């Protein structure tokens, strides 16, 4: 499972942040890793440098073998909450798709 992290110019994409995102994604989606070829994480601050509520957006794109990409988004007050919410949504979507495949 390849994990690709993309940030806008207002969100730091330094080595520590990359390691944090990689560990969170791997931990959350570990049981599906045999089905996932790549995960793309897109983080952006909707308001730029201005403060605001729910202004951090996280979009996750999961590519499953032989399937169309699955996308989940979440907005929150900080990066960690935005990522956690998007991971929960993508995990549910993957579980649903794999469940349908298994039952058919």
Protein backbone atom coordinates (compact mmCIF):
# COMPACT_ATOMS: atom_id res chain seq x y z
CA UNK A 1 0.00 0.00 0.00
CA UNK A 2 1.53 3.26 -1.17
CA UNK A 3 0.65 6.37 0.84
CA UNK A 4 1.01 9.75 -0.86
CA UNK A 5 0.61 12.96 1.17
CA UNK A 6 -0.29 16.27 -0.50
CA UNK A 7 -0.61 19.56 1.38
CA UNK A 8 -1.34 23.10 0.32
CA UNK A 9 1.11 25.94 0.95
CA UNK A 10 -0.41 26.82 4.35
CA UNK A 11 -0.06 23.33 5.86
CA UNK A 12 3.41 22.04 6.69
CA UNK A 13 4.35 18.83 4.92
CA UNK A 14 7.60 18.30 6.83
CA UNK A 15 9.09 14.89 7.65
CA UNK A 16 7.42 14.63 11.09
CA UNK A 17 4.01 15.41 9.60
CA UNK A 18 4.56 12.86 6.80
CA UNK A 19 5.47 10.18 9.36
CA UNK A 20 2.41 11.04 11.45
CA UNK A 21 0.07 10.73 8.45
CA UNK A 22 1.68 7.50 7.29
CA UNK A 23 1.34 5.90 10.72
CA UNK A 24 -2.29 7.00 11.13
CA UNK A 25 -3.30 5.76 7.69
CA UNK A 26 -1.48 2.43 8.08
CA UNK A 27 -2.98 1.85 11.53
CA UNK A 28 -6.53 2.64 10.42
CA UNK A 29 -6.50 0.70 7.16
CA UNK A 30 -4.14 -2.14 8.12
CA UNK A 31 -6.73 -4.89 7.73
CA UNK A 32 -7.54 -3.76 4.17
CA UNK A 33 -3.96 -3.29 2.97
CA UNK A 34 -4.05 -6.41 0.78
CA UNK A 35 -6.89 -4.81 -1.23
CA UNK A 36 -5.53 -1.24 -1.36
CA UNK A 37 -2.86 -0.33 -3.89
CA UNK A 38 -2.56 3.36 -3.00
CA UNK A 39 -3.95 5.98 -0.62
CA UNK A 40 -3.71 9.67 -1.42
CA UNK A 41 -4.14 12.22 1.37
CA UNK A 42 -4.94 15.80 0.34
CA UNK A 43 -4.89 18.42 3.11
CA UNK A 44 -5.75 22.06 2.71
CA UNK A 45 -6.70 25.04 4.80
CA UNK A 46 -9.91 26.42 3.29
CA UNK A 47 -9.33 29.91 4.77
CA UNK A 48 -5.62 30.15 4.07
CA UNK A 49 -3.86 31.93 6.91
CA UNK A 50 -7.10 33.28 8.40
CA UNK A 51 -8.65 31.56 11.41
CA UNK A 52 -11.99 29.84 11.13
CA UNK A 53 -14.09 26.92 12.30
CA UNK A 54 -13.83 23.64 10.40
CA UNK A 55 -11.41 25.20 7.94
CA UNK A 56 -9.03 22.24 7.59
CA UNK A 57 -10.13 19.88 4.84
CA UNK A 58 -8.87 16.31 4.38
CA UNK A 59 -9.68 14.36 1.25
CA UNK A 60 -8.69 10.70 1.08
CA UNK A 61 -8.63 8.74 -2.15
CA UNK A 62 -8.26 4.97 -1.83
CA UNK A 63 -7.48 2.88 -4.88
CA UNK A 64 -8.63 -0.71 -4.56
CA UNK A 65 -7.35 -3.43 -6.89
CA UNK A 66 -9.59 -3.65 -9.95
CA UNK A 67 -12.04 -1.00 -8.68
CA UNK A 68 -12.75 2.67 -9.16
CA UNK A 69 -11.12 4.97 -6.57
CA UNK A 70 -13.09 5.67 -3.39
CA UNK A 71 -13.11 9.21 -2.00
CA UNK A 72 -13.95 10.50 1.47
CA UNK A 73 -13.69 14.04 2.81
CA UNK A 74 -13.88 15.60 6.23
CA UNK A 75 -13.52 19.11 7.60
CA UNK A 76 -12.43 19.96 11.13
CA UNK A 77 -10.73 22.59 13.28
CA UNK A 78 -7.32 20.90 13.07
CA UNK A 79 -5.35 18.49 10.90
CA UNK A 80 -5.61 15.52 13.26
CA UNK A 81 -9.40 15.68 13.52
CA UNK A 82 -9.79 16.20 9.77
CA UNK A 83 -7.63 13.14 9.05
CA UNK A 84 -9.33 10.97 11.68
CA UNK A 85 -12.80 11.81 10.37
CA UNK A 86 -11.82 11.12 6.76
CA UNK A 87 -10.19 7.81 7.75
CA UNK A 88 -13.36 6.71 9.53
CA UNK A 89 -15.43 7.51 6.44
CA UNK A 90 -13.07 5.79 3.99
CA UNK A 91 -12.83 2.73 6.23
CA UNK A 92 -16.62 2.42 6.26
CA UNK A 93 -16.76 2.79 2.47
CA UNK A 94 -14.06 0.15 1.92
CA UNK A 95 -15.76 -2.22 4.33
CA UNK A 96 -19.05 -1.81 2.46
CA UNK A 97 -17.48 -2.41 -0.96
CA UNK A 98 -15.48 -5.43 0.16
CA UNK A 99 -18.57 -6.83 1.89
CA UNK A 100 -20.55 -6.58 -1.36
CA UNK A 101 -17.75 -8.29 -3.27
CA UNK A 102 -17.60 -11.10 -0.72
CA UNK A 103 -21.37 -11.62 -0.79
CA UNK A 104 -21.69 -11.74 -4.55
